[in-house]
Amino acid sequence: MTQEQIQAAFTLISQDDTLIHGVLKALNVSRKRSNYDDLYQEGLLAFVDAYQHFPGNPETEHHALMVYCFQAVKWTLLMSFRQTNQYNQHIGFVDQQDDNNDAVLDYLDQISSPVSSAEANLLHQECFEQLYQACTPREQRFLVLRYFYNAELKEIAADLNVTRRTANNIKFKIQKKFSAVLIE
């Protein structure tokens, strides 16, 4: 990365840093959090790095650049959460002993919100598609029932003709795959 590219990236993000704040908000990171400023700085550095790796022309493809950088900053911060052991609190992964907690599935519900921006919806759709491709046919059916039909675990178990415990095991397998998709 040349010095001019670094300067152009910092100039762009310093003029309007709502992208960084938007990523932090999308990840449910409150400004009251003690390490908010640190995460903000990590986001700035991730933006500069994404600016360098953007496959198009950043000066003429501003919208595409912002979508690309939003995703890059988001993935960088997610990896940071995982490294600092706070990953589980912010994404919603649960302890396998808690059968009634559908936090990962609730996260999927949250990211599919119709009030999300077009860029956010694109990123969430991509995330879902990657997860869907990583799943077995039975896990894919589970995802479709939960994500598109908002079915509860007992309804999914009935549809799949399995016990609730088996449906719960499917959910945990999906969670592991979801974790792998997020850190790719």
C-alpha atoms as a PDB file:
ATOM      1  CA  MET A   1       0.000   0.000   0.000  1.00  0.00           C
ATOM      2  CA  THR A   2       1.417   3.345  -0.962  1.00  0.00           C
ATOM      3  CA  GLN A   3       1.503   6.318   1.358  1.00  0.00           C
ATOM      4  CA  GLU A   4      -1.005   8.081  -0.921  1.00  0.00           C
ATOM      5  CA  GLN A   5      -3.486   5.206  -0.631  1.00  0.00           C
ATOM      6  CA  ILE A   6      -3.160   5.187   3.148  1.00  0.00           C
ATOM      7  CA  GLN A   7      -3.696   8.939   3.269  1.00  0.00           C
ATOM      8  CA  ALA A   8      -6.688   8.719   0.906  1.00  0.00           C
ATOM      9  CA  ALA A   9      -8.267   5.994   3.066  1.00  0.00           C
ATOM     10  CA  PHE A  10      -7.750   7.957   6.294  1.00  0.00           C
ATOM     11  CA  THR A  11      -9.060  11.136   4.673  1.00  0.00           C
ATOM     12  CA  LEU A  12     -12.174   9.363   3.440  1.00  0.00           C
ATOM     13  CA  ILE A  13     -12.999   7.741   6.770  1.00  0.00           C
ATOM     14  CA  SER A  14     -12.150  10.865   8.797  1.00  0.00           C
ATOM     15  CA  GLN A  15     -14.647  12.903   6.740  1.00  0.00           C
ATOM     16  CA  ASP A  16     -17.460  10.506   7.580  1.00  0.00           C
ATOM     17  CA  ASP A  17     -16.868   7.800  10.158  1.00  0.00           C
ATOM     18  CA  THR A  18     -20.482   6.595  10.292  1.00  0.00           C
ATOM     19  CA  LEU A  19     -19.407   3.340   8.639  1.00  0.00           C
ATOM     20  CA  ILE A  20     -17.313   2.373  11.668  1.00  0.00           C
ATOM     21  CA  HIS A  21     -20.037   3.401  14.107  1.00  0.00           C
ATOM     22  CA  GLY A  22     -22.580   1.542  11.952  1.00  0.00           C
ATOM     23  CA  VAL A  23     -20.575  -1.677  12.110  1.00  0.00           C
ATOM     24  CA  LEU A  24     -20.247  -1.362  15.880  1.00  0.00           C
ATOM     25  CA  LYS A  25     -23.981  -0.730  16.160  1.00  0.00           C
ATOM     26  CA  ALA A  26     -24.745  -3.708  13.915  1.00  0.00           C
ATOM     27  CA  LEU A  27     -22.654  -5.834  16.272  1.00  0.00           C
ATOM     28  CA  ASN A  28     -24.564  -4.441  19.281  1.00  0.00           C
ATOM     29  CA  VAL A  29     -21.501  -2.746  20.738  1.00  0.00           C
ATOM     30  CA  SER A  30     -22.633   0.090  22.975  1.00  0.00           C
ATOM     31  CA  ARG A  31     -20.689   3.350  23.290  1.00  0.00           C
ATOM     32  CA  LYS A  32     -20.785   2.756  27.051  1.00  0.00           C
ATOM     33  CA  ARG A  33     -18.613  -0.296  26.681  1.00  0.00           C
ATOM     34  CA  SER A  34     -15.142   0.134  28.141  1.00  0.00           C
ATOM     35  CA  ASN A  35     -13.306  -0.945  24.984  1.00  0.00           C
ATOM     36  CA  TYR A  36     -15.519   0.921  22.487  1.00  0.00           C
ATOM     37  CA  ASP A  37     -12.703   3.300  21.515  1.00  0.00           C
ATOM     38  CA  ASP A  38     -10.316   0.388  20.989  1.00  0.00           C
ATOM     39  CA  LEU A  39     -12.844  -1.358  18.741  1.00  0.00           C
ATOM     40  CA  TYR A  40     -13.379   1.908  16.866  1.00  0.00           C
ATOM     41  CA  GLN A  41      -9.632   2.164  16.235  1.00  0.00           C
ATOM     42  CA  GLU A  42      -9.513  -1.452  15.054  1.00  0.00           C
ATOM     43  CA  GLY A  43     -12.353  -0.589  12.714  1.00  0.00           C
ATOM     44  CA  LEU A  44     -10.404   2.360  11.303  1.00  0.00           C
ATOM     45  CA  LEU A  45      -7.389   0.173  10.616  1.00  0.00           C
ATOM     46  CA  ALA A  46      -9.599  -2.503   9.049  1.00  0.00           C
ATOM     47  CA  PHE A  47     -11.138   0.178   6.818  1.00  0.00           C
ATOM     48  CA  VAL A  48      -7.710   1.301   5.609  1.00  0.00           C
ATOM     49  CA  ASP A  49      -6.747  -2.313   4.914  1.00  0.00           C
ATOM     50  CA  ALA A  50     -10.001  -2.943   3.034  1.00  0.00           C
ATOM     51  CA  TYR A  51      -9.463   0.238   1.024  1.00  0.00           C
ATOM     52  CA  GLN A  52      -6.138  -1.192  -0.120  1.00  0.00           C
ATOM     53  CA  HIS A  53      -7.647  -4.543  -1.124  1.00  0.00           C
ATOM     54  CA  PHE A  54     -10.741  -3.127  -2.836  1.00  0.00           C
ATOM     55  CA  PRO A  55     -10.876  -4.777  -6.276  1.00  0.00           C
ATOM     56  CA  GLY A  56     -12.301  -1.731  -8.060  1.00  0.00           C
ATOM     57  CA  ASN A  57     -11.454   1.935  -8.279  1.00  0.00           C
ATOM     58  CA  PRO A  58     -12.225   3.520  -4.887  1.00  0.00           C
ATOM     59  CA  GLU A  59     -12.579   6.984  -6.366  1.00  0.00           C
ATOM     60  CA  THR A  60     -15.253   6.089  -8.928  1.00  0.00           C
ATOM     61  CA  GLU A  61     -17.033   3.205  -7.157  1.00  0.00           C
ATOM     62  CA  HIS A  62     -17.778   4.852  -3.825  1.00  0.00           C
ATOM     63  CA  HIS A  63     -20.911   2.828  -2.977  1.00  0.00           C
ATOM     64  CA  ALA A  64     -19.285  -0.520  -3.786  1.00  0.00           C
ATOM     65  CA  LEU A  65     -16.238   0.522  -1.759  1.00  0.00           C
ATOM     66  CA  MET A  66     -18.377   1.317   1.275  1.00  0.00           C
ATOM     67  CA  VAL A  67     -20.202  -2.019   1.093  1.00  0.00           C
ATOM     68  CA  TYR A  68     -16.883  -3.834   0.742  1.00  0.00           C
ATOM     69  CA  CYS A  69     -15.334  -1.924   3.653  1.00  0.00           C
ATOM     70  CA  PHE A  70     -18.399  -2.411   5.862  1.00  0.00           C
ATOM     71  CA  GLN A  71     -18.099  -6.165   5.486  1.00  0.00           C
ATOM     72  CA  ALA A  72     -14.318  -6.130   5.981  1.00  0.00           C
ATOM     73  CA  VAL A  73     -14.581  -4.043   9.156  1.00  0.00           C
ATOM     74  CA  LYS A  74     -17.371  -6.241  10.459  1.00  0.00           C
ATOM     75  CA  TRP A  75     -15.400  -9.474   9.903  1.00  0.00           C
ATOM     76  CA  THR A  76     -12.299  -7.947  11.485  1.00  0.00           C
ATOM     77  CA  LEU A  77     -14.202  -6.930  14.598  1.00  0.00           C
ATOM     78  CA  LEU A  78     -15.880 -10.322  14.804  1.00  0.00           C
ATOM     79  CA  MET A  79     -12.464 -11.957  14.769  1.00  0.00           C
ATOM     80  CA  SER A  80     -11.358  -9.547  17.473  1.00  0.00           C
ATOM     81  CA  PHE A  81     -14.316 -10.579  19.635  1.00  0.00           C
ATOM     82  CA  ARG A  82     -13.370 -14.193  19.211  1.00  0.00           C
ATOM     83  CA  GLN A  83      -9.759 -13.543  20.149  1.00  0.00           C
ATOM     84  CA  THR A  84     -10.697 -11.685  23.314  1.00  0.00           C
ATOM     85  CA  ASN A  85     -13.198 -14.302  24.447  1.00  0.00           C
ATOM     86  CA  GLN A  86     -16.069 -11.858  24.133  1.00  0.00           C
ATOM     87  CA  TYR A  87     -17.209 -13.449  20.909  1.00  0.00           C
ATOM     88  CA  ASN A  88     -19.946 -15.485  22.573  1.00  0.00           C
ATOM     89  CA  GLN A  89     -21.525 -12.472  24.264  1.00  0.00           C
ATOM     90  CA  HIS A  90     -21.883 -10.383  21.116  1.00  0.00           C
ATOM     91  CA  ILE A  91     -22.882 -12.916  18.514  1.00  0.00           C
ATOM     92  CA  GLY A  92     -25.108 -14.926  20.804  1.00  0.00           C
ATOM     93  CA  PHE A  93     -23.597 -18.381  20.831  1.00  0.00           C
ATOM     94  CA  VAL A  94     -24.859 -20.421  23.718  1.00  0.00           C
ATOM     95  CA  ASP A  95     -23.713 -23.118  26.056  1.00  0.00           C
ATOM     96  CA  GLN A  96     -24.895 -26.503  24.839  1.00  0.00           C
ATOM     97  CA  GLN A  97     -26.500 -27.246  28.201  1.00  0.00           C
ATOM     98  CA  ASP A  98     -29.166 -24.572  27.680  1.00  0.00           C
ATOM     99  CA  ASP A  99     -31.764 -26.296  25.510  1.00  0.00           C
ATOM    100  CA  ASN A 100     -34.160 -23.365  25.397  1.00  0.00           C
ATOM    101  CA  ASN A 101     -31.743 -20.698  24.222  1.00  0.00           C
ATOM    102  CA  ASP A 102     -31.984 -20.008  20.491  1.00  0.00           C
ATOM    103  CA  ALA A 103     -29.531 -17.120  20.511  1.00  0.00           C
ATOM    104  CA  VAL A 104     -27.835 -18.035  17.222  1.00  0.00           C
ATOM    105  CA  LEU A 105     -31.189 -18.417  15.576  1.00  0.00           C
ATOM    106  CA  ASP A 106     -32.296 -15.147  17.158  1.00  0.00           C
ATOM    107  CA  TYR A 107     -29.191 -13.560  15.622  1.00  0.00           C
ATOM    108  CA  LEU A 108     -30.314 -14.833  12.222  1.00  0.00           C
ATOM    109  CA  ASP A 109     -33.741 -13.339  12.889  1.00  0.00           C
ATOM    110  CA  GLN A 110     -32.170 -10.027  13.870  1.00  0.00           C
ATOM    111  CA  ILE A 111     -29.999  -9.766  10.781  1.00  0.00           C
ATOM    112  CA  SER A 112     -32.966 -10.505   8.533  1.00  0.00           C
ATOM    113  CA  SER A 113     -34.864  -7.491   9.854  1.00  0.00           C
ATOM    114  CA  PRO A 114     -36.789  -5.671   7.093  1.00  0.00           C
ATOM    115  CA  VAL A 115     -35.709  -2.319   8.519  1.00  0.00           C
ATOM    116  CA  SER A 116     -32.040  -3.009   7.773  1.00  0.00           C
ATOM    117  CA  SER A 117     -30.265  -0.992   5.118  1.00  0.00           C
ATOM    118  CA  ALA A 118     -29.702  -2.416   1.649  1.00  0.00           C
ATOM    119  CA  GLU A 119     -25.993  -2.862   2.370  1.00  0.00           C
ATOM    120  CA  ALA A 120     -26.692  -4.661   5.636  1.00  0.00           C
ATOM    121  CA  ASN A 121     -29.254  -6.902   3.963  1.00  0.00           C
ATOM    122  CA  LEU A 122     -26.728  -7.805   1.271  1.00  0.00           C
ATOM    123  CA  LEU A 123     -24.135  -8.736   3.879  1.00  0.00           C
ATOM    124  CA  HIS A 124     -26.645 -10.745   5.908  1.00  0.00           C
ATOM    125  CA  GLN A 125     -27.878 -12.564   2.828  1.00  0.00           C
ATOM    126  CA  GLU A 126     -24.299 -13.464   1.943  1.00  0.00           C
ATOM    127  CA  CYS A 127     -23.680 -14.703   5.490  1.00  0.00           C
ATOM    128  CA  PHE A 128     -26.834 -16.837   5.374  1.00  0.00           C
ATOM    129  CA  GLU A 129     -25.925 -18.253   1.961  1.00  0.00           C
ATOM    130  CA  GLN A 130     -22.457 -19.230   3.163  1.00  0.00           C
ATOM    131  CA  LEU A 131     -23.955 -20.926   6.200  1.00  0.00           C
ATOM    132  CA  TYR A 132     -26.601 -22.646   4.065  1.00  0.00           C
ATOM    133  CA  GLN A 133     -23.945 -24.028   1.701  1.00  0.00           C
ATOM    134  CA  ALA A 134     -21.934 -25.385   4.646  1.00  0.00           C
ATOM    135  CA  CYS A 135     -24.909 -27.355   5.994  1.00  0.00           C
ATOM    136  CA  THR A 136     -26.250 -30.825   5.278  1.00  0.00           C
ATOM    137  CA  PRO A 137     -29.716 -31.117   3.667  1.00  0.00           C
ATOM    138  CA  ARG A 138     -31.355 -31.696   7.052  1.00  0.00           C
ATOM    139  CA  GLU A 139     -29.553 -28.694   8.542  1.00  0.00           C
ATOM    140  CA  GLN A 140     -30.569 -26.642   5.515  1.00  0.00           C
ATOM    141  CA  ARG A 141     -34.206 -27.582   6.117  1.00  0.00           C
ATOM    142  CA  PHE A 142     -33.775 -26.550   9.763  1.00  0.00           C
ATOM    143  CA  LEU A 143     -32.407 -23.158   8.675  1.00  0.00           C
ATOM    144  CA  VAL A 144     -35.193 -22.571   6.169  1.00  0.00           C
ATOM    145  CA  LEU A 145     -37.874 -23.407   8.723  1.00  0.00           C
ATOM    146  CA  ARG A 146     -36.333 -21.138  11.330  1.00  0.00           C
ATOM    147  CA  TYR A 147     -35.105 -18.296   9.151  1.00  0.00           C
ATOM    148  CA  PHE A 148     -37.999 -17.954   6.719  1.00  0.00           C
ATOM    149  CA  TYR A 149     -40.920 -19.401   8.696  1.00  0.00           C
ATOM    150  CA  ASN A 150     -39.779 -18.435  12.214  1.00  0.00           C
ATOM    151  CA  ALA A 151     -40.582 -21.965  13.397  1.00  0.00           C
ATOM    152  CA  GLU A 152     -39.817 -22.933  16.978  1.00  0.00           C
ATOM    153  CA  LEU A 153     -37.610 -25.887  17.850  1.00  0.00           C
ATOM    154  CA  LYS A 154     -40.542 -28.211  18.590  1.00  0.00           C
ATOM    155  CA  GLU A 155     -42.163 -27.337  15.241  1.00  0.00           C
ATOM    156  CA  ILE A 156     -38.909 -27.968  13.412  1.00  0.00           C
ATOM    157  CA  ALA A 157     -38.516 -31.313  15.196  1.00  0.00           C
ATOM    158  CA  ALA A 158     -42.022 -32.315  14.087  1.00  0.00           C
ATOM    159  CA  ASP A 159     -41.353 -31.256  10.488  1.00  0.00           C
ATOM    160  CA  LEU A 160     -38.064 -33.158  10.377  1.00  0.00           C
ATOM    161  CA  ASN A 161     -39.718 -36.140  12.086  1.00  0.00           C
ATOM    162  CA  VAL A 162     -37.063 -36.196  14.822  1.00  0.00           C
ATOM    163  CA  THR A 163     -37.097 -35.760  18.565  1.00  0.00           C
ATOM    164  CA  ARG A 164     -36.669 -32.350  20.120  1.00  0.00           C
ATOM    165  CA  ARG A 165     -33.284 -33.473  21.417  1.00  0.00           C
ATOM    166  CA  THR A 166     -32.155 -34.396  17.886  1.00  0.00           C
ATOM    167  CA  ALA A 167     -33.419 -31.048  16.603  1.00  0.00           C
ATOM    168  CA  ASN A 168     -31.438 -29.374  19.364  1.00  0.00           C
ATOM    169  CA  ASN A 169     -28.318 -31.289  18.284  1.00  0.00           C
ATOM    170  CA  ILE A 170     -28.888 -30.104  14.717  1.00  0.00           C
ATOM    171  CA  LYS A 171     -29.095 -26.555  16.042  1.00  0.00           C
ATOM    172  CA  PHE A 172     -25.726 -26.918  17.790  1.00  0.00           C
ATOM    173  CA  LYS A 173     -24.115 -28.334  14.650  1.00  0.00           C
ATOM    174  CA  ILE A 174     -25.403 -25.306  12.753  1.00  0.00           C
ATOM    175  CA  GLN A 175     -23.971 -23.028  15.451  1.00  0.00           C
ATOM    176  CA  LYS A 176     -20.536 -24.549  14.978  1.00  0.00           C
ATOM    177  CA  LYS A 177     -20.779 -24.092  11.225  1.00  0.00           C
ATOM    178  CA  PHE A 178     -22.001 -20.547  11.733  1.00  0.00           C
ATOM    179  CA  SER A 179     -18.943 -19.841  13.859  1.00  0.00           C
ATOM    180  CA  ALA A 180     -16.704 -21.227  11.118  1.00  0.00           C
ATOM    181  CA  VAL A 181     -18.451 -19.091   8.478  1.00  0.00           C
ATOM    182  CA  LEU A 182     -18.040 -15.949  10.570  1.00  0.00           C
ATOM    183  CA  ILE A 183     -14.312 -16.342  11.013  1.00  0.00           C
ATOM    184  CA  GLU A 184     -13.498 -17.195   7.391  1.00  0.00           C
END
